[in-house]
Amino acid sequence: MAKKVVTRTYKASICNHSQVKDDLDALGHAASKLWNVGRWTVSRVWDEIGYIPEAEELTSYLKTHERYDDLHSQSSQRVLQELAEAFHSWYGKRKNGDDRANPPGYRKHGDDHPRSSVTFKAAGFKHDAKNNRIRLSKGDNTKDYWTDFALCEYQTRPDVDLSAVESIQQVRAVWTGDEWELHFVCKQAITVADSPGDKTVGIDLGICTFAALAFEDETCELYPLGCLKEDGYYFGKRIARCNDSSSAQVERLHQKWSNRRTHYFHTLAKHIAERCVEKNVGLIAIGDLNGIRGDEDGEVKDWGPHGNLDLHGWAFDRFTNILTYKAEMQGIDVEPVNERGTSKTCSCCGQEKESNRVERGLYVCDGCELVANADVNGAENIRQVPLSPSDDTSADRSNGWLAQPSTHLFDKSTGGFHPQEQVVS
């Protein structure tokens, strides 16, 4: 066993909710108002000179605005940082060919400002771990004659002890639609298991087959994305039927959709980590998809109208982060590797030829006559990247297994992943 410092987020309910609700409502509304001021400012700059201000520029410009003092200064900074990040994300999608992407909107329902989440950094809160209380600072404009902070009494899960964490990096007050809850972002020293072995596995992430795994013991597995695509069609239609895109109903649908995606990613990551333990895997090599939207010359790659939409909704970075921390708990290292060329390179003889990928799911090498599932071939190439030439066992292995992957599906009746023949729903 070994000790490791990691970042964790813990949710907590607020025990004295009725006492602090008005204060938190005021802060949540203030965050929405500041967002709207920043949104108008960015829109004006964009319309004038076609430029999106950086978070620091936006903060500097709005520091003297009345709405900036509605929150603690660090909380106001975070609101504007999130706005700048949202605008840059929108611009990136438009630049990469997603014409349907919309810029971040105003946070307003008619004449009402919704309750936005509020982030409190180190100077904006004071934690009393002994009594499970946290003091959240108000802005100068929201302080009253009685107090300049909201004192929240909280309750975490029984297995969470915030007095034992290394430090609390930030606290977020989040409106769930029914009540406020607290999210504690902490640095924590945890005990991780010893490495289960010295074997390796390669993971190729994709749009149709979300993950293809190639193990060193000559087994391979596919995890199709059908479950999430079904959710995308279902919730997309439900949201399209709503008259008001900013209504509470739409917000609830988006939240439910997001929760289901999150559950899928966590369940898949846990399943893969457990499979690695079973197979004595100590290293996961996973494709690093940064820059996937560009071609070899750095130009924007056109995946077609439907492909572009799928690509921009592809949460590969989020999944990699989830898998990394779940694998770490099992003593397994995760190494992102550059996957450029892995889809058109033969994992057996090394010949690189784009025409060898004859169909979406079929790879045929005209050099060594390898026939393989295309995603598994890519995963095996990714597995081989971190290995030194002396460690590479691919030359000594048969290649028939590359064409015979087992398919694992998400079973809605059990909430877990099972081989295709065992899944009933």
Protein backbone atom coordinates (compact mmCIF):
# COMPACT_ATOMS: atom_id res chain seq x y z
CA MET A 1 0.00 0.00 0.00
CA ALA A 2 1.15 3.57 -0.72
CA LYS A 3 0.03 7.09 0.13
CA LYS A 4 -0.92 9.58 -2.57
CA VAL A 5 -2.35 13.12 -2.51
CA VAL A 6 -5.32 13.48 -4.87
CA THR A 7 -8.10 15.98 -5.55
CA ARG A 8 -11.60 14.92 -4.58
CA THR A 9 -15.01 16.64 -4.59
CA TYR A 10 -17.44 15.80 -1.79
CA LYS A 11 -21.10 16.81 -1.70
CA ALA A 12 -22.79 17.89 1.53
CA SER A 13 -26.38 18.72 2.43
CA ILE A 14 -27.09 21.90 4.39
CA CYS A 15 -28.67 21.15 7.77
CA ASN A 16 -29.82 24.73 8.51
CA HIS A 17 -31.13 25.28 4.99
CA SER A 18 -34.12 27.40 6.03
CA GLN A 19 -31.84 29.81 7.89
CA VAL A 20 -29.33 30.38 5.09
CA LYS A 21 -31.54 29.95 2.02
CA ASP A 22 -32.25 33.68 1.61
CA ASP A 23 -28.54 34.52 1.83
CA LEU A 24 -27.60 31.83 -0.68
CA ASP A 25 -30.45 32.88 -2.99
CA ALA A 26 -29.10 36.43 -2.94
CA LEU A 27 -25.60 35.21 -3.80
CA GLY A 28 -26.91 32.92 -6.53
CA HIS A 29 -28.94 35.73 -8.09
CA ALA A 30 -25.90 38.04 -7.82
CA ALA A 31 -23.77 35.51 -9.71
CA SER A 32 -26.38 35.44 -12.50
CA LYS A 33 -26.47 39.24 -12.70
CA LEU A 34 -22.67 39.46 -12.93
CA TRP A 35 -22.68 36.73 -15.59
CA ASN A 36 -25.19 38.77 -17.62
CA VAL A 37 -23.11 41.94 -17.30
CA GLY A 38 -20.05 40.02 -18.48
CA ARG A 39 -22.08 38.37 -21.24
CA TRP A 40 -23.19 41.76 -22.58
CA THR A 41 -19.62 43.08 -22.36
CA VAL A 42 -18.10 40.17 -24.27
CA SER A 43 -20.84 40.37 -26.90
CA ARG A 44 -20.14 44.07 -27.42
CA VAL A 45 -16.38 43.50 -27.81
CA TRP A 46 -16.99 40.57 -30.16
CA ASP A 47 -19.36 42.59 -32.36
CA GLU A 48 -16.93 45.52 -32.53
CA ILE A 49 -13.56 43.83 -33.14
CA GLY A 50 -14.23 40.07 -33.35
CA TYR A 51 -12.26 39.36 -30.18
CA ILE A 52 -13.17 37.37 -27.05
CA PRO A 53 -11.60 38.94 -23.93
CA GLU A 54 -9.56 36.68 -21.69
CA ALA A 55 -10.78 36.15 -18.12
CA GLU A 56 -8.14 38.50 -16.70
CA GLU A 57 -9.10 41.27 -19.15
CA LEU A 58 -12.79 40.85 -18.39
CA THR A 59 -12.15 40.93 -14.64
CA SER A 60 -9.98 44.02 -14.88
CA TYR A 61 -12.60 45.85 -16.96
CA LEU A 62 -15.55 44.98 -14.72
CA LYS A 63 -13.81 45.35 -11.37
CA THR A 64 -15.38 48.75 -10.82
CA HIS A 65 -18.86 47.70 -11.92
CA GLU A 66 -21.52 47.73 -9.22
CA ARG A 67 -22.44 44.08 -9.76
CA TYR A 68 -18.86 42.96 -9.14
CA ASP A 69 -19.20 43.85 -5.44
CA ASP A 70 -22.35 41.76 -5.01
CA LEU A 71 -20.05 38.78 -4.39
CA HIS A 72 -16.74 38.25 -2.67
CA SER A 73 -14.00 39.35 -5.08
CA GLN A 74 -12.69 35.80 -5.65
CA SER A 75 -16.24 34.55 -6.30
CA SER A 76 -16.77 37.33 -8.86
CA GLN A 77 -13.49 36.41 -10.54
CA ARG A 78 -14.63 32.81 -10.86
CA VAL A 79 -17.96 33.81 -12.48
CA LEU A 80 -16.10 35.78 -15.15
CA GLN A 81 -13.57 32.97 -15.61
CA GLU A 82 -16.40 30.53 -16.31
CA LEU A 83 -17.95 32.98 -18.77
CA ALA A 84 -14.67 33.44 -20.66
CA GLU A 85 -14.15 29.66 -20.76
CA ALA A 86 -17.68 29.19 -22.13
CA PHE A 87 -17.11 31.76 -24.88
CA HIS A 88 -13.78 30.24 -25.89
CA SER A 89 -15.38 26.78 -25.96
CA TRP A 90 -18.14 28.10 -28.24
CA TYR A 91 -15.61 29.79 -30.51
CA GLY A 92 -13.57 26.57 -30.70
CA LYS A 93 -16.64 24.61 -31.77
CA ARG A 94 -17.56 27.15 -34.44
CA LYS A 95 -13.99 27.23 -35.70
CA ASN A 96 -14.00 23.45 -35.94
CA GLY A 97 -17.10 23.38 -38.10
CA ASP A 98 -20.01 23.09 -35.66
CA ASP A 99 -22.36 25.69 -37.15
CA ARG A 100 -25.11 24.78 -34.69
CA ALA A 101 -23.08 25.76 -31.63
CA ASN A 102 -24.53 28.77 -29.81
CA PRO A 103 -22.61 31.24 -27.63
CA PRO A 104 -23.34 31.16 -23.88
CA GLY A 105 -26.66 32.84 -23.18
CA TYR A 106 -27.92 35.24 -20.55
CA ARG A 107 -29.01 33.78 -17.24
CA LYS A 108 -32.52 35.13 -16.98
CA HIS A 109 -36.04 33.68 -16.88
CA GLY A 110 -38.26 36.57 -17.89
CA ASP A 111 -37.60 39.21 -15.24
CA ASP A 112 -36.11 36.69 -12.80
CA HIS A 113 -32.44 35.82 -12.42
CA PRO A 114 -31.92 32.10 -11.71
CA ARG A 115 -29.74 30.82 -8.90
CA SER A 116 -26.26 30.29 -10.34
CA SER A 117 -23.64 28.25 -8.55
CA VAL A 118 -21.24 30.34 -6.48
CA THR A 119 -17.58 29.39 -5.96
CA PHE A 120 -15.71 30.43 -2.83
CA LYS A 121 -11.93 30.23 -2.92
CA ALA A 122 -9.58 30.18 0.08
CA ALA A 123 -10.13 33.80 1.13
CA GLY A 124 -13.90 33.52 0.74
CA PHE A 125 -14.67 30.83 3.32
CA LYS A 126 -13.69 29.72 6.79
CA HIS A 127 -14.13 26.08 7.73
CA ASP A 128 -14.93 24.74 11.18
CA ALA A 129 -14.34 21.00 10.69
CA LYS A 130 -14.94 20.19 14.36
CA ASN A 131 -18.54 21.41 14.25
CA ASN A 132 -19.25 20.74 10.55
CA ARG A 133 -19.79 24.40 9.77
CA ILE A 134 -18.55 26.66 7.00
CA ARG A 135 -18.69 30.45 6.79
CA LEU A 136 -19.24 31.79 3.28
CA SER A 137 -18.37 35.43 2.65
CA LYS A 138 -20.84 37.83 1.06
CA GLY A 139 -20.00 40.70 -1.24
CA ASP A 140 -19.95 44.31 -0.04
CA ASN A 141 -23.35 44.97 -1.62
CA THR A 142 -25.01 41.88 -0.11
CA LYS A 143 -23.81 42.39 3.45
CA ASP A 144 -26.46 43.59 5.86
CA TYR A 145 -26.48 45.09 9.32
CA TRP A 146 -26.61 41.64 10.90
CA THR A 147 -23.77 39.71 9.32
CA ASP A 148 -21.35 39.72 6.40
CA PHE A 149 -21.36 35.97 5.88
CA ALA A 150 -23.66 32.93 5.62
CA LEU A 151 -22.95 30.29 8.25
CA CYS A 152 -23.88 26.86 6.88
CA GLU A 153 -24.11 23.71 8.95
CA TYR A 154 -23.51 20.73 6.70
CA GLN A 155 -23.69 16.94 6.63
CA THR A 156 -21.55 14.73 4.39
CA ARG A 157 -21.77 11.00 3.75
CA PRO A 158 -20.86 8.87 6.80
CA ASP A 159 -17.61 7.73 5.17
CA VAL A 160 -16.40 11.30 4.51
CA ASP A 161 -14.45 13.18 7.19
CA LEU A 162 -13.45 16.66 6.00
CA SER A 163 -11.29 17.16 9.09
CA ALA A 164 -8.97 14.48 7.70
CA VAL A 165 -8.33 16.10 4.29
CA GLU A 166 -5.05 17.85 3.51
CA SER A 167 -6.80 21.10 2.57
CA ILE A 168 -10.02 22.43 1.07
CA GLN A 169 -9.23 24.22 -2.18
CA GLN A 170 -12.65 25.72 -2.80
CA VAL A 171 -16.31 25.43 -1.86
CA ARG A 172 -19.22 25.67 -4.28
CA ALA A 173 -22.80 26.47 -3.36
CA VAL A 174 -24.92 24.65 -5.95
CA TRP A 175 -28.68 24.95 -6.50
CA THR A 176 -30.08 21.51 -7.34
CA GLY A 177 -33.49 22.75 -8.45
CA ASP A 178 -35.03 22.09 -5.04
CA GLU A 179 -32.42 23.23 -2.53
CA TRP A 180 -28.84 24.36 -2.07
CA GLU A 181 -26.01 21.93 -1.46
CA LEU A 182 -22.27 22.36 -0.89
CA HIS A 183 -19.45 20.87 -2.95
CA PHE A 184 -16.04 20.72 -1.22
CA VAL A 185 -13.02 20.44 -3.54
CA CYS A 186 -10.26 18.97 -1.39
CA LYS A 187 -6.68 17.78 -1.48
CA GLN A 188 -6.62 14.47 0.31
CA ALA A 189 -3.99 11.85 1.11
CA ILE A 190 -5.35 8.41 0.27
CA THR A 191 -4.05 4.87 0.45
CA VAL A 192 -3.75 3.26 -2.96
CA ALA A 193 -3.31 -0.41 -3.69
CA ASP A 194 -0.05 -1.88 -4.89
CA SER A 195 0.19 -2.37 -8.63
CA PRO A 196 -1.71 -5.51 -9.64
CA GLY A 197 1.03 -6.52 -12.06
CA ASP A 198 3.29 -5.50 -14.92
CA LYS A 199 0.94 -6.20 -17.82
CA THR A 200 -0.29 -3.46 -20.17
CA VAL A 201 -3.51 -2.55 -21.97
CA GLY A 202 -4.19 -0.08 -24.79
CA ILE A 203 -7.42 1.90 -25.02
CA ASP A 204 -8.64 3.52 -28.21
CA LEU A 205 -11.52 5.99 -27.71
CA GLY A 206 -14.03 6.54 -30.50
CA ILE A 207 -17.43 7.97 -31.40
CA CYS A 208 -19.34 4.77 -32.27
CA THR A 209 -17.30 2.35 -30.17
CA PHE A 210 -16.54 4.52 -27.17
CA ALA A 211 -13.65 2.34 -25.96
CA ALA A 212 -11.71 -0.53 -27.53
CA LEU A 213 -9.32 -2.39 -25.23
CA ALA A 214 -6.34 -4.53 -26.29
CA PHE A 215 -4.80 -6.52 -23.43
CA GLU A 216 -1.34 -8.02 -23.41
CA ASP A 217 -2.77 -11.52 -22.89
CA GLU A 218 -4.28 -11.50 -26.39
CA THR A 219 -7.84 -10.59 -25.47
CA CYS A 220 -9.75 -7.56 -26.66
CA GLU A 221 -13.01 -5.88 -25.74
CA LEU A 222 -15.35 -3.33 -27.32
CA TYR A 223 -17.66 -0.91 -25.47
CA PRO A 224 -20.17 0.60 -27.94
CA LEU A 225 -21.76 3.99 -27.29
CA GLY A 226 -25.33 2.94 -28.10
CA CYS A 227 -26.69 3.64 -24.61
CA LEU A 228 -25.54 7.26 -24.62
CA LYS A 229 -26.72 7.79 -28.18
CA GLU A 230 -30.19 6.57 -27.22
CA ASP A 231 -30.20 9.13 -24.41
CA GLY A 232 -29.05 11.82 -26.84
CA TYR A 233 -31.95 11.16 -29.22
CA TYR A 234 -34.49 10.89 -26.38
CA PHE A 235 -33.51 13.98 -24.42
CA GLY A 236 -32.82 15.97 -27.58
CA LYS A 237 -36.40 15.43 -28.73
CA ARG A 238 -37.84 16.17 -25.28
CA ILE A 239 -35.90 19.44 -25.08
CA ALA A 240 -36.87 20.41 -28.65
CA ARG A 241 -40.56 20.12 -27.71
CA CYS A 242 -40.21 22.70 -24.94
CA ASN A 243 -41.40 26.18 -25.89
CA ASP A 244 -38.89 28.05 -23.73
CA SER A 245 -35.25 26.94 -24.03
CA SER A 246 -34.46 28.59 -20.66
CA SER A 247 -37.41 27.10 -18.75
CA ALA A 248 -37.12 25.09 -15.56
CA GLN A 249 -38.32 22.02 -17.46
CA VAL A 250 -35.45 22.28 -19.95
CA GLU A 251 -33.02 22.80 -17.08
CA ARG A 252 -34.27 19.61 -15.40
CA LEU A 253 -33.98 17.63 -18.65
CA HIS A 254 -30.41 18.82 -19.20
CA GLN A 255 -29.56 17.94 -15.61
CA LYS A 256 -31.04 14.45 -15.90
CA TRP A 257 -29.25 13.89 -19.21
CA SER A 258 -25.97 15.04 -17.66
CA ASN A 259 -26.45 12.79 -14.63
CA ARG A 260 -26.98 9.75 -16.85
CA ARG A 261 -23.83 10.51 -18.84
CA THR A 262 -21.86 10.96 -15.64
CA HIS A 263 -23.14 7.63 -14.30
CA TYR A 264 -22.19 5.92 -17.57
CA PHE A 265 -18.63 7.30 -17.50
CA HIS A 266 -18.07 6.41 -13.84
CA THR A 267 -19.49 2.91 -14.29
CA LEU A 268 -17.40 2.23 -17.39
CA ALA A 269 -14.22 3.57 -15.77
CA LYS A 270 -14.78 1.42 -12.68
CA HIS A 271 -15.46 -1.63 -14.85
CA ILE A 272 -12.27 -1.11 -16.88
CA ALA A 273 -10.19 -0.64 -13.71
CA GLU A 274 -11.59 -3.88 -12.29
CA ARG A 275 -10.87 -5.73 -15.55
CA CYS A 276 -7.29 -4.48 -15.38
CA VAL A 277 -6.90 -5.82 -11.84
CA GLU A 278 -8.23 -9.20 -12.97
CA LYS A 279 -5.66 -9.29 -15.78
CA ASN A 280 -2.69 -8.04 -13.68
CA VAL A 281 -2.44 -4.79 -15.64
CA GLY A 282 -0.18 -2.12 -14.13
CA LEU A 283 -0.18 0.36 -17.03
CA ILE A 284 -3.05 1.72 -19.12
CA ALA A 285 -2.01 3.46 -22.35
CA ILE A 286 -4.90 5.59 -23.58
CA GLY A 287 -5.10 7.69 -26.70
CA ASP A 288 -4.55 11.40 -26.13
CA LEU A 289 -7.16 13.02 -28.34
CA ASN A 290 -6.09 16.64 -27.98
CA GLY A 291 -5.98 18.01 -31.50
CA ILE A 292 -8.26 15.29 -32.87
CA ARG A 293 -10.34 17.94 -34.63
CA GLY A 294 -7.39 18.83 -36.87
CA ASP A 295 -5.63 16.91 -39.64
CA GLU A 296 -1.90 16.32 -40.02
CA ASP A 297 -1.43 19.82 -41.48
CA GLY A 298 -3.20 21.47 -38.56
CA GLU A 299 -6.28 22.27 -40.63
CA VAL A 300 -9.79 21.72 -39.29
CA LYS A 301 -10.95 18.20 -40.17
CA ASP A 302 -14.47 17.85 -41.54
CA TRP A 303 -16.21 14.77 -40.12
CA GLY A 304 -19.45 15.58 -41.93
CA PRO A 305 -22.53 17.31 -40.43
CA HIS A 306 -23.46 14.45 -38.10
CA GLY A 307 -19.85 13.51 -37.32
CA ASN A 308 -18.99 17.07 -36.33
CA LEU A 309 -21.92 17.19 -33.89
CA ASP A 310 -20.95 13.83 -32.40
CA LEU A 311 -17.33 14.91 -32.09
CA HIS A 312 -18.14 18.11 -30.20
CA GLY A 313 -20.29 16.14 -27.77
CA TRP A 314 -17.51 13.59 -27.28
CA ALA A 315 -16.40 13.80 -23.64
CA PHE A 316 -13.12 11.92 -24.09
CA ASP A 317 -11.13 14.21 -21.80
CA ARG A 318 -13.71 13.92 -19.04
CA PHE A 319 -13.72 10.13 -19.28
CA THR A 320 -9.92 9.98 -19.24
CA ASN A 321 -9.85 12.02 -16.02
CA ILE A 322 -12.42 9.72 -14.38
CA LEU A 323 -10.56 6.60 -15.48
CA THR A 324 -7.25 8.01 -14.25
CA TYR A 325 -8.34 8.51 -10.67
CA LYS A 326 -10.25 5.20 -10.49
CA ALA A 327 -7.21 3.37 -11.84
CA GLU A 328 -4.91 5.17 -9.40
CA MET A 329 -6.93 3.75 -6.51
CA GLN A 330 -6.04 0.28 -7.79
CA GLY A 331 -2.34 1.12 -8.17
CA ILE A 332 -2.58 1.32 -11.96
CA ASP A 333 -0.77 4.05 -13.92
CA VAL A 334 -2.55 5.78 -16.81
CA GLU A 335 -0.40 7.22 -19.59
CA PRO A 336 -1.98 9.31 -22.38
CA VAL A 337 -0.12 8.71 -25.64
CA ASN A 338 -0.25 10.44 -29.00
CA GLU A 339 -2.50 8.30 -31.16
CA ARG A 340 -1.77 10.00 -34.48
CA GLY A 341 -1.36 7.30 -37.12
CA THR A 342 -2.48 4.43 -34.89
CA SER A 343 -5.70 3.91 -36.86
CA LYS A 344 -3.88 3.33 -40.17
CA THR A 345 -0.79 1.47 -38.91
CA CYS A 346 -0.66 -2.32 -38.77
CA SER A 347 -0.08 -3.41 -35.18
CA CYS A 348 1.63 -6.59 -36.43
CA CYS A 349 4.13 -5.48 -39.10
CA GLY A 350 4.10 -1.69 -38.65
CA GLN A 351 3.08 -0.80 -42.20
CA GLU A 352 1.30 2.58 -42.25
CA LYS A 353 -1.24 2.84 -45.01
CA GLU A 354 -4.59 4.63 -44.87
CA SER A 355 -6.20 2.34 -47.43
CA ASN A 356 -5.67 -0.63 -45.10
CA ARG A 357 -8.64 0.58 -43.09
CA VAL A 358 -11.10 -0.65 -45.67
CA GLU A 359 -14.24 -0.01 -43.61
CA ARG A 360 -15.13 1.71 -40.33
CA GLY A 361 -14.70 -1.51 -38.35
CA LEU A 362 -12.31 -3.51 -40.55
CA TYR A 363 -8.54 -3.28 -40.95
CA VAL A 364 -6.77 -5.42 -43.58
CA CYS A 365 -3.00 -5.12 -44.00
CA ASP A 366 -1.85 -5.75 -47.57
CA GLY A 367 1.68 -6.33 -46.28
CA CYS A 368 1.34 -9.12 -43.69
CA GLU A 369 -2.31 -9.94 -44.49
CA LEU A 370 -3.47 -9.17 -40.96
CA VAL A 371 -7.27 -9.00 -40.64
CA ALA A 372 -8.40 -7.14 -37.52
CA ASN A 373 -11.15 -5.09 -35.99
CA ALA A 374 -10.05 -1.53 -36.80
CA ASP A 375 -10.64 -0.17 -33.29
CA VAL A 376 -8.79 -3.07 -31.66
CA ASN A 377 -5.89 -2.62 -34.07
CA GLY A 378 -5.70 1.02 -32.97
CA ALA A 379 -5.86 0.03 -29.31
CA GLU A 380 -3.01 -2.47 -29.78
CA ASN A 381 -0.89 0.22 -31.46
CA ILE A 382 -1.58 2.53 -28.51
CA ARG A 383 -0.61 -0.25 -26.08
CA GLN A 384 2.77 -0.61 -27.79
CA VAL A 385 3.68 3.13 -27.69
CA PRO A 386 4.99 3.33 -24.07
CA LEU A 387 6.92 0.05 -24.39
CA SER A 388 10.62 -0.10 -25.11
CA PRO A 389 11.68 -2.38 -27.99
CA SER A 390 12.81 -5.03 -25.50
CA ASP A 391 9.39 -4.99 -23.81
CA ASP A 392 7.39 -5.27 -27.03
CA THR A 393 5.97 -8.77 -27.31
CA SER A 394 3.83 -8.10 -30.41
CA ALA A 395 6.28 -9.93 -32.70
CA ASP A 396 5.84 -13.12 -30.68
CA ARG A 397 2.06 -13.00 -30.48
CA SER A 398 -0.59 -14.46 -32.74
CA ASN A 399 -2.89 -11.98 -34.46
CA GLY A 400 -6.14 -13.93 -34.79
CA TRP A 401 -7.48 -12.41 -31.55
CA LEU A 402 -7.39 -8.93 -33.09
CA ALA A 403 -10.36 -9.86 -35.28
CA GLN A 404 -12.44 -11.44 -32.51
CA PRO A 405 -13.22 -8.84 -29.83
CA SER A 406 -15.88 -9.48 -27.21
CA THR A 407 -18.54 -6.79 -26.94
CA HIS A 408 -19.63 -5.44 -23.56
CA LEU A 409 -22.86 -3.44 -23.22
CA PHE A 410 -24.37 -1.30 -20.49
CA ASP A 411 -27.22 -3.25 -18.86
CA LYS A 412 -29.90 -0.82 -17.67
CA SER A 413 -31.45 -3.47 -15.44
CA THR A 414 -28.27 -3.86 -13.36
CA GLY A 415 -26.55 -0.52 -14.00
CA GLY A 416 -23.32 -2.27 -14.99
CA PHE A 417 -21.39 -3.61 -18.00
CA HIS A 418 -21.66 -7.23 -19.08
CA PRO A 419 -20.82 -9.31 -22.19
CA GLN A 420 -23.36 -8.74 -24.94
CA GLU A 421 -24.89 -12.20 -24.65
CA GLN A 422 -25.68 -11.65 -20.97
CA VAL A 423 -27.39 -8.26 -21.34
CA VAL A 424 -31.19 -8.40 -21.25
CA SER A 425 -32.07 -4.65 -21.44
